[in-house]
């Protein structure tokens, strides 16, 4: 392979990159970014890689979740706390179900860029650049708001740092007090035929935490057992490159803006700039895999991005949709087996199950998401493989963006609290119920 550097991607075609009016302004922002401290550390990155390797062997399970796209004005204490709360509660439920440690990876502290199908958007006869996330431009529909602004790169870094600082403070400061029953909102369960099982799971988690406290003689929040890692789609290559560095006493280049960057569907071409960037960083990486992925392209990506078969290096996040997973997943499992490489398989049941209501509202249905998960677990088992993780777009807030769940949200409910600027997310109740359904599946097959 040709020699790699943090800027070698510039020699390749780069998709989904914004066009800035001022190259000098962009260069100044990048220079400032490059001088700022890293957001994460190499020892955190290597710890995550070790845990992902264990998940690939079936010794751990990966839970990855968070917003479709973070927004600057939602960098608040309540929003971050609620997001952390639901991820921690989901992970504790999954521990009960799979009887193994769960790796907690948040889609936060950097998930500010979003790929778009079209470069421009037209409303009422006016055409403007598409909204590409708060790191690029703003969601309002005016020329000033949609103009890519390099200063937003610095804002994204600052908001990421604030989020990470607060998450670390919560985790180290006793946030595991979630063993108190009043922190578990199970009101939704009364609408489900599985209400008894849901309450039993929650009681089981609380009892387990209290048992740990009694044995160890310390409160759960004082045990150093809660690890949280960050992830985002490494879409904006100028931003990612500015945080890609060497460090003393370690070999290779690390992306120090996140622990776990992933490669999206729209930027996964083997000859493209994003794959060129990803091949050179030491971080564990994820690749989103969908119906358009051919076996040849898939095999080429394995060769480029996973040449040394390093444990924990590569996570394959498949997203086919409930109607296509049975057809599309087995050939890719066969391809990995033929390559002889070891990977971690993770299911993203969100992106392949998007639908639109009669009035054009973008949504997803709980049952479709659950169906793809159930099929994925079964397909991996039948193919002699292992599904070792799940990937959700979710929030800890009481939004109404996805249909179904125990409360059976309908099209009419979406108007009550639809807040996402991009993709619909599972709310707190739907997320917790989904974790309980997964735990139930895993418990049945254990």
Protein backbone atom coordinates (compact mmCIF):
# COMPACT_ATOMS: atom_id res chain seq x y z
CA UNK A 1 0.00 0.00 0.00
CA UNK A 2 1.17 3.59 -0.62
CA UNK A 3 2.62 5.54 2.30
CA UNK A 4 -0.05 6.95 4.61
CA UNK A 5 -0.36 10.27 6.40
CA UNK A 6 -3.29 12.11 8.05
CA UNK A 7 -3.63 14.11 4.84
CA UNK A 8 -3.12 11.37 2.24
CA UNK A 9 -6.91 11.15 1.82
CA UNK A 10 -6.70 14.39 -0.18
CA UNK A 11 -5.35 12.41 -3.13
CA UNK A 12 -8.63 10.44 -3.31
CA UNK A 13 -12.17 11.46 -4.28
CA UNK A 14 -13.83 12.74 -1.09
CA UNK A 15 -17.61 12.40 -0.79
CA UNK A 16 -19.90 14.32 1.58
CA UNK A 17 -17.44 17.17 2.21
CA UNK A 18 -18.76 20.74 2.57
CA UNK A 19 -17.62 23.53 0.24
CA UNK A 20 -16.32 26.47 2.27
CA UNK A 21 -16.33 29.94 0.78
CA UNK A 22 -13.07 30.91 2.50
CA UNK A 23 -10.12 28.52 2.31
CA UNK A 24 -8.15 30.90 4.54
CA UNK A 25 -10.88 30.79 7.19
CA UNK A 26 -10.94 27.00 7.05
CA UNK A 27 -7.15 26.80 7.34
CA UNK A 28 -7.19 29.07 10.41
CA UNK A 29 -9.86 26.97 12.13
CA UNK A 30 -7.96 23.75 11.38
CA UNK A 31 -4.73 25.26 12.71
CA UNK A 32 -6.45 26.12 15.97
CA UNK A 33 -7.97 22.63 16.22
CA UNK A 34 -4.60 21.01 15.71
CA UNK A 35 -3.15 22.96 18.65
CA UNK A 36 -5.89 21.99 21.11
CA UNK A 37 -5.59 19.02 23.52
CA UNK A 38 -6.92 15.63 22.41
CA UNK A 39 -10.45 14.71 23.49
CA UNK A 40 -9.61 11.09 24.32
CA UNK A 41 -6.45 9.19 25.25
CA UNK A 42 -4.60 6.37 23.59
CA UNK A 43 -4.88 4.12 26.65
CA UNK A 44 -8.68 4.50 26.55
CA UNK A 45 -8.62 3.60 22.86
CA UNK A 46 -6.48 0.53 23.47
CA UNK A 47 -8.72 -0.56 26.36
CA UNK A 48 -11.75 -0.39 24.07
CA UNK A 49 -9.92 -2.38 21.41
CA UNK A 50 -9.17 -5.07 23.99
CA UNK A 51 -12.81 -5.22 25.03
CA UNK A 52 -14.03 -5.36 21.42
CA UNK A 53 -11.65 -8.25 20.80
CA UNK A 54 -13.27 -10.04 23.75
CA UNK A 55 -16.71 -9.35 22.26
CA UNK A 56 -15.53 -10.92 19.01
CA UNK A 57 -14.71 -14.06 20.99
CA UNK A 58 -18.15 -14.05 22.62
CA UNK A 59 -16.89 -12.90 26.02
CA UNK A 60 -18.52 -9.46 25.97
CA UNK A 61 -21.42 -7.72 24.21
CA UNK A 62 -21.38 -4.28 22.54
CA UNK A 63 -24.10 -1.67 23.12
CA UNK A 64 -23.67 1.40 20.93
CA UNK A 65 -26.29 4.13 20.99
CA UNK A 66 -27.10 7.80 20.94
CA UNK A 67 -28.38 10.62 18.77
CA UNK A 68 -28.58 10.44 15.00
CA UNK A 69 -26.93 13.87 15.03
CA UNK A 70 -26.01 15.88 18.10
CA UNK A 71 -26.95 19.55 18.18
CA UNK A 72 -25.04 22.32 19.93
CA UNK A 73 -28.08 23.65 21.81
CA UNK A 74 -28.69 20.18 23.30
CA UNK A 75 -25.33 20.17 25.06
CA UNK A 76 -27.06 20.56 28.42
CA UNK A 77 -26.78 18.79 31.76
CA UNK A 78 -30.26 17.26 31.54
CA UNK A 79 -29.84 15.97 27.98
CA UNK A 80 -26.45 14.40 28.68
CA UNK A 81 -27.64 12.89 31.98
CA UNK A 82 -30.72 11.36 30.36
CA UNK A 83 -28.68 9.94 27.51
CA UNK A 84 -26.19 8.39 29.90
CA UNK A 85 -29.00 7.08 32.11
CA UNK A 86 -30.73 5.14 29.33
CA UNK A 87 -27.47 3.69 27.99
CA UNK A 88 -26.45 2.54 31.47
CA UNK A 89 -29.87 1.07 32.20
CA UNK A 90 -29.95 -0.73 28.84
CA UNK A 91 -26.49 -2.14 29.47
CA UNK A 92 -27.45 -3.43 32.92
CA UNK A 93 -30.51 -5.15 31.45
CA UNK A 94 -28.33 -6.72 28.74
CA UNK A 95 -25.87 -7.95 31.36
CA UNK A 96 -28.79 -9.76 32.99
CA UNK A 97 -29.82 -11.29 29.67
CA UNK A 98 -26.49 -12.35 28.19
CA UNK A 99 -24.66 -13.00 31.48
CA UNK A 100 -21.48 -11.30 30.26
CA UNK A 101 -19.96 -7.80 30.52
CA UNK A 102 -21.40 -5.15 28.20
CA UNK A 103 -19.27 -2.55 26.40
CA UNK A 104 -20.96 0.85 26.52
CA UNK A 105 -20.25 3.10 23.54
CA UNK A 106 -22.17 6.36 23.13
CA UNK A 107 -22.89 8.07 19.84
CA UNK A 108 -21.99 11.37 21.50
CA UNK A 109 -19.23 13.94 22.01
CA UNK A 110 -18.61 14.28 18.28
CA UNK A 111 -21.65 13.07 16.31
CA UNK A 112 -22.16 16.50 14.74
CA UNK A 113 -21.79 15.70 11.02
CA UNK A 114 -24.42 13.94 8.92
CA UNK A 115 -24.25 12.62 5.35
CA UNK A 116 -26.99 13.76 3.01
CA UNK A 117 -28.47 12.25 -0.13
CA UNK A 118 -28.49 15.62 -1.93
CA UNK A 119 -26.09 18.54 -1.81
CA UNK A 120 -28.92 21.07 -2.06
CA UNK A 121 -32.46 21.45 -0.72
CA UNK A 122 -35.29 23.40 -2.37
CA UNK A 123 -38.19 24.98 -0.49
CA UNK A 124 -40.80 27.28 -2.04
CA UNK A 125 -38.61 27.80 -5.09
CA UNK A 126 -35.44 28.67 -3.11
CA UNK A 127 -32.44 26.32 -3.31
CA UNK A 128 -29.83 26.25 -0.54
CA UNK A 129 -27.08 23.86 0.62
CA UNK A 130 -28.39 20.89 2.61
CA UNK A 131 -28.04 20.87 6.38
CA UNK A 132 -25.01 18.67 7.12
CA UNK A 133 -25.01 18.84 10.88
CA UNK A 134 -24.02 21.55 13.35
CA UNK A 135 -20.33 21.04 12.64
CA UNK A 136 -20.92 22.39 9.10
CA UNK A 137 -23.95 24.68 9.00
CA UNK A 138 -27.27 25.34 10.72
CA UNK A 139 -30.71 23.74 10.29
CA UNK A 140 -32.60 26.99 9.64
CA UNK A 141 -33.48 27.61 6.00
CA UNK A 142 -31.76 30.87 5.07
CA UNK A 143 -28.59 31.61 3.05
CA UNK A 144 -26.68 32.67 6.17
CA UNK A 145 -27.69 29.59 8.16
CA UNK A 146 -26.93 27.11 5.39
CA UNK A 147 -23.53 28.59 4.49
CA UNK A 148 -20.76 26.21 5.72
CA UNK A 149 -18.91 28.02 8.51
CA UNK A 150 -15.40 26.84 9.54
CA UNK A 151 -15.85 28.35 13.01
CA UNK A 152 -18.40 25.61 13.69
CA UNK A 153 -15.54 23.10 13.66
CA UNK A 154 -14.22 24.77 16.81
CA UNK A 155 -17.72 24.85 18.31
CA UNK A 156 -18.03 21.11 17.68
CA UNK A 157 -14.73 20.47 19.44
CA UNK A 158 -15.79 22.61 22.40
CA UNK A 159 -19.20 20.94 22.72
CA UNK A 160 -17.56 17.52 22.46
CA UNK A 161 -15.11 18.44 25.23
CA UNK A 162 -17.93 19.72 27.45
CA UNK A 163 -19.96 16.55 26.89
CA UNK A 164 -17.02 14.28 27.61
CA UNK A 165 -16.08 16.20 30.73
CA UNK A 166 -19.61 15.89 32.13
CA UNK A 167 -19.94 12.20 31.20
CA UNK A 168 -16.67 11.41 32.94
CA UNK A 169 -17.74 13.38 36.01
CA UNK A 170 -21.07 11.54 36.18
CA UNK A 171 -19.48 8.12 35.76
CA UNK A 172 -16.82 8.77 38.38
CA UNK A 173 -19.19 10.58 40.73
CA UNK A 174 -21.64 7.84 41.58
CA UNK A 175 -24.04 7.92 38.65
CA UNK A 176 -24.48 4.17 39.16
CA UNK A 177 -27.03 5.14 41.81
CA UNK A 178 -29.46 3.84 39.19
CA UNK A 179 -29.83 0.81 41.46
CA UNK A 180 -32.57 2.77 43.21
CA UNK A 181 -35.96 1.57 41.88
CA UNK A 182 -37.29 5.12 41.46
CA UNK A 183 -34.74 5.71 38.70
CA UNK A 184 -36.38 3.00 36.58
CA UNK A 185 -39.45 4.37 34.79
CA UNK A 186 -41.52 1.30 33.90
CA UNK A 187 -44.90 2.99 33.47
CA UNK A 188 -44.92 1.87 29.84
CA UNK A 189 -44.80 -1.79 30.89
CA UNK A 190 -48.46 -1.80 31.96
CA UNK A 191 -49.37 -1.69 28.26
CA UNK A 192 -47.38 -4.84 27.41
CA UNK A 193 -48.21 -8.51 27.72
CA UNK A 194 -44.64 -8.91 29.00
CA UNK A 195 -45.12 -6.46 31.88
CA UNK A 196 -44.33 -9.08 34.51
CA UNK A 197 -41.07 -10.04 32.82
CA UNK A 198 -40.02 -6.39 32.43
CA UNK A 199 -40.53 -5.71 36.14
CA UNK A 200 -38.68 -8.93 37.04
CA UNK A 201 -35.71 -7.83 34.90
CA UNK A 202 -35.55 -4.41 36.56
CA UNK A 203 -35.79 -5.99 40.03
CA UNK A 204 -33.06 -8.44 39.05
CA UNK A 205 -30.73 -5.58 38.09
CA UNK A 206 -31.41 -3.70 41.33
CA UNK A 207 -30.90 -6.83 43.44
CA UNK A 208 -27.64 -7.66 41.63
CA UNK A 209 -26.26 -4.17 42.27
CA UNK A 210 -27.21 -4.34 45.92
CA UNK A 211 -25.58 -7.75 46.22
CA UNK A 212 -22.38 -6.33 44.75
CA UNK A 213 -22.49 -3.50 47.29
CA UNK A 214 -22.92 -5.90 50.18
CA UNK A 215 -20.08 -8.16 49.05
CA UNK A 216 -17.66 -5.36 48.19
CA UNK A 217 -18.63 -3.14 51.08
CA UNK A 218 -18.86 -0.02 48.90
CA UNK A 219 -21.64 1.74 47.00
CA UNK A 220 -22.06 0.82 43.36
CA UNK A 221 -21.12 4.33 42.30
CA UNK A 222 -17.76 3.99 44.02
CA UNK A 223 -16.72 0.84 42.15
CA UNK A 224 -14.53 1.55 39.15
CA UNK A 225 -16.49 -0.83 36.94
CA UNK A 226 -18.39 1.55 34.66
CA UNK A 227 -16.50 2.26 31.42
CA UNK A 228 -17.99 4.55 28.78
CA UNK A 229 -16.52 5.14 25.35
CA UNK A 230 -17.41 7.58 22.58
CA UNK A 231 -18.06 7.04 18.89
CA UNK A 232 -19.10 9.03 15.85
CA UNK A 233 -19.13 8.75 12.09
CA UNK A 234 -15.78 10.12 10.91
CA UNK A 235 -17.36 12.05 8.06
CA UNK A 236 -15.73 15.49 8.07
CA UNK A 237 -12.19 14.56 7.07
CA UNK A 238 -10.64 17.96 7.73
CA UNK A 239 -11.91 17.86 11.32
CA UNK A 240 -10.83 14.24 11.85
CA UNK A 241 -7.39 14.90 10.41
CA UNK A 242 -6.82 17.86 12.71
CA UNK A 243 -7.17 15.54 15.72
CA UNK A 244 -5.10 12.67 14.28
CA UNK A 245 -1.73 12.50 16.01
CA UNK A 246 1.22 10.43 17.09
CA UNK A 247 1.91 10.08 20.81
CA UNK A 248 5.09 9.20 22.72
CA UNK A 249 5.86 5.53 23.35
CA UNK A 250 3.17 4.24 20.98
CA UNK A 251 3.38 3.36 17.32
CA UNK A 252 1.02 4.65 14.67
CA UNK A 253 -1.48 7.47 14.29
CA UNK A 254 -4.50 7.81 16.58
CA UNK A 255 -7.71 9.73 15.94
CA UNK A 256 -7.96 11.42 19.32
CA UNK A 257 -11.37 13.02 18.74
CA UNK A 258 -13.12 9.73 19.59
CA UNK A 259 -12.43 6.20 20.76
CA UNK A 260 -14.36 4.45 18.00
CA UNK A 261 -14.88 6.15 14.61
CA UNK A 262 -17.04 4.44 12.03
CA UNK A 263 -17.27 4.53 8.24
CA UNK A 264 -20.71 5.22 6.78
CA UNK A 265 -22.50 3.70 3.81
CA UNK A 266 -22.14 6.77 1.58
CA UNK A 267 -18.38 7.01 2.07
CA UNK A 268 -17.37 3.33 2.06
CA UNK A 269 -15.97 3.03 -1.48
CA UNK A 270 -12.58 1.24 -1.38
CA UNK A 271 -10.98 3.86 -3.63
CA UNK A 272 -12.42 6.84 -1.75
CA UNK A 273 -10.89 9.35 0.65
CA UNK A 274 -12.62 8.03 3.76
CA UNK A 275 -11.30 4.50 3.34
CA UNK A 276 -7.85 5.96 2.72
CA UNK A 277 -8.12 7.89 5.99
CA UNK A 278 -9.43 4.91 7.97
CA UNK A 279 -6.72 2.51 6.81
CA UNK A 280 -4.02 4.52 8.57
CA UNK A 281 -5.45 5.13 12.04
CA UNK A 282 -4.82 2.77 14.94
CA UNK A 283 -8.26 3.12 16.57
CA UNK A 284 -10.76 0.29 16.50
CA UNK A 285 -13.10 1.13 13.63
CA UNK A 286 -16.58 0.25 12.47
CA UNK A 287 -17.91 -0.18 8.94
CA UNK A 288 -21.60 0.23 8.15
CA UNK A 289 -22.70 -2.55 5.77
CA UNK A 290 -25.95 -2.39 3.79
CA UNK A 291 -27.83 -4.01 0.88
CA UNK A 292 -25.76 -2.22 -1.76
CA UNK A 293 -22.52 -3.80 -0.52
CA UNK A 294 -21.25 -6.38 -3.02
CA UNK A 295 -19.10 -9.33 -2.01
CA UNK A 296 -16.18 -7.97 -4.07
CA UNK A 297 -16.34 -4.54 -2.41
CA UNK A 298 -16.71 -6.15 0.99
CA UNK A 299 -13.67 -8.37 0.47
CA UNK A 300 -11.66 -5.38 -0.74
CA UNK A 301 -12.55 -3.38 2.38
CA UNK A 302 -11.46 -6.27 4.58
CA UNK A 303 -8.08 -6.33 2.82
CA UNK A 304 -7.56 -2.57 3.06
CA UNK A 305 -8.85 -1.90 6.56
CA UNK A 306 -8.10 -5.18 8.34
CA UNK A 307 -4.91 -6.45 6.70
CA UNK A 308 -3.22 -7.83 9.83
CA UNK A 309 -6.33 -9.37 11.44
CA UNK A 310 -5.65 -7.46 14.67
CA UNK A 311 -8.10 -8.51 17.42
CA UNK A 312 -10.63 -5.78 18.17
CA UNK A 313 -9.69 -3.73 15.14
CA UNK A 314 -12.79 -4.17 12.98
CA UNK A 315 -16.51 -4.11 13.81
CA UNK A 316 -18.98 -4.76 10.99
CA UNK A 317 -22.26 -2.92 11.64
CA UNK A 318 -24.89 -4.40 9.33
CA UNK A 319 -28.04 -2.47 8.47
CA UNK A 320 -30.25 -4.23 5.92
CA UNK A 321 -33.83 -3.74 7.07
CA UNK A 322 -36.20 -6.48 8.15
CA UNK A 323 -37.19 -7.32 4.58
CA UNK A 324 -33.64 -7.81 3.27
CA UNK A 325 -31.53 -9.10 6.17
CA UNK A 326 -32.28 -12.78 5.47
CA UNK A 327 -31.07 -12.41 1.88
CA UNK A 328 -28.14 -10.03 2.37
CA UNK A 329 -26.46 -11.09 5.61
CA UNK A 330 -25.49 -14.77 4.99
CA UNK A 331 -23.28 -14.06 1.93
CA UNK A 332 -21.26 -11.51 3.90
CA UNK A 333 -20.83 -13.92 6.80
CA UNK A 334 -19.51 -16.43 4.26
CA UNK A 335 -17.17 -13.78 2.84
CA UNK A 336 -15.65 -13.09 6.27
CA UNK A 337 -15.27 -16.81 6.91
CA UNK A 338 -13.49 -17.26 3.56
CA UNK A 339 -11.13 -14.39 4.36
CA UNK A 340 -10.04 -16.08 7.57
CA UNK A 341 -10.29 -12.77 9.42
CA UNK A 342 -11.81 -12.21 12.86
CA UNK A 343 -14.38 -9.44 13.19
CA UNK A 344 -17.09 -8.32 15.61
CA UNK A 345 -20.58 -8.40 14.09
CA UNK A 346 -23.01 -5.70 15.26
CA UNK A 347 -26.60 -5.07 14.12
CA UNK A 348 -27.92 -1.58 13.38
CA UNK A 349 -31.66 -2.26 13.02
CA UNK A 350 -32.57 1.41 12.64
CA UNK A 351 -31.38 2.65 9.25
CA UNK A 352 -32.83 -0.09 7.08
CA UNK A 353 -36.30 0.33 8.56
CA UNK A 354 -37.14 3.94 7.80
CA UNK A 355 -40.65 4.68 6.59
CA UNK A 356 -42.77 7.78 5.94
CA UNK A 357 -46.26 8.59 7.18
CA UNK A 358 -49.02 9.87 4.89
CA UNK A 359 -48.01 13.48 5.62
CA UNK A 360 -44.33 12.78 4.84
CA UNK A 361 -42.97 12.45 8.40
CA UNK A 362 -39.87 10.27 8.58
CA UNK A 363 -40.24 7.52 11.19
CA UNK A 364 -39.47 3.92 12.15
CA UNK A 365 -41.58 1.23 13.81
CA UNK A 366 -40.56 -0.62 16.96
CA UNK A 367 -41.73 -3.95 15.49
CA UNK A 368 -39.60 -3.53 12.34
CA UNK A 369 -36.53 -2.78 14.45
CA UNK A 370 -37.18 -5.76 16.69
CA UNK A 371 -37.80 -8.03 13.69
CA UNK A 372 -34.43 -7.25 12.13
CA UNK A 373 -32.72 -7.92 15.47
CA UNK A 374 -34.49 -11.25 15.94
CA UNK A 375 -33.64 -12.33 12.40
CA UNK A 376 -30.01 -11.24 12.80
CA UNK A 377 -29.49 -13.28 15.96
CA UNK A 378 -31.04 -16.33 14.24
CA UNK A 379 -29.05 -15.91 11.00
CA UNK A 380 -25.73 -15.66 12.81
CA UNK A 381 -26.52 -18.78 14.81
CA UNK A 382 -27.55 -20.74 11.72
CA UNK A 383 -24.39 -19.65 9.87
CA UNK A 384 -22.08 -20.61 12.72
CA UNK A 385 -21.37 -16.94 13.43
CA UNK A 386 -22.09 -14.70 16.42
CA UNK A 387 -23.93 -11.38 16.72
CA UNK A 388 -21.85 -9.56 19.30
CA UNK A 389 -23.45 -6.13 19.47
CA UNK A 390 -26.31 -3.75 18.72
CA UNK A 391 -26.32 -0.17 17.46
CA UNK A 392 -29.25 2.21 18.06
CA UNK A 393 -30.26 5.78 17.38
CA UNK A 394 -31.92 6.73 20.66
CA UNK A 395 -32.39 9.42 23.23
CA UNK A 396 -33.18 9.53 26.92
CA UNK A 397 -35.85 12.15 26.27
CA UNK A 398 -39.63 11.69 25.97
CA UNK A 399 -39.73 12.27 22.22
CA UNK A 400 -42.27 10.76 19.83
CA UNK A 401 -40.32 9.98 16.67
CA UNK A 402 -40.66 6.19 16.31
CA UNK A 403 -43.95 4.29 16.17
CA UNK A 404 -45.04 1.33 18.26
CA UNK A 405 -43.58 0.00 21.48
CA UNK A 406 -45.61 -0.91 24.55
CA UNK A 407 -47.56 2.36 24.36
CA UNK A 408 -48.20 1.68 20.65
CA UNK A 409 -47.38 5.20 19.44
CA UNK A 410 -49.30 6.01 16.25
CA UNK A 411 -48.85 8.47 13.38
CA UNK A 412 -50.87 11.04 15.30
CA UNK A 413 -48.51 10.80 18.30
CA UNK A 414 -45.52 11.89 16.23
CA UNK A 415 -46.70 15.49 16.23
CA UNK A 416 -46.52 15.69 20.03
CA UNK A 417 -42.74 15.70 20.47
CA UNK A 418 -40.87 15.17 17.20
CA UNK A 419 -37.55 17.00 17.69
CA UNK A 420 -34.94 15.34 15.49
CA UNK A 421 -33.59 17.41 12.60
CA UNK A 422 -32.41 14.30 10.75
CA UNK A 423 -33.43 10.74 11.74
CA UNK A 424 -36.09 9.45 14.17
CA UNK A 425 -34.85 8.01 17.48
CA UNK A 426 -36.21 5.56 20.01
CA UNK A 427 -37.30 7.40 23.15
CA UNK A 428 -36.48 6.41 26.74
CA UNK A 429 -39.30 3.92 27.10
CA UNK A 430 -38.83 2.33 23.67
CA UNK A 431 -35.07 2.03 24.26
CA UNK A 432 -35.48 0.35 27.63
CA UNK A 433 -38.16 -1.97 26.26
CA UNK A 434 -35.91 -2.86 23.32
CA UNK A 435 -33.09 -3.77 25.72
CA UNK A 436 -35.49 -5.98 27.65
CA UNK A 437 -36.62 -7.73 24.48
CA UNK A 438 -32.98 -8.34 23.48
CA UNK A 439 -32.16 -9.63 26.97
CA UNK A 440 -35.14 -11.97 26.71
CA UNK A 441 -33.91 -13.30 23.34
CA UNK A 442 -30.39 -13.81 24.61
CA UNK A 443 -31.61 -15.47 27.78
CA UNK A 444 -33.68 -17.94 25.78
CA UNK A 445 -30.69 -19.01 23.68
CA UNK A 446 -28.03 -18.96 26.41
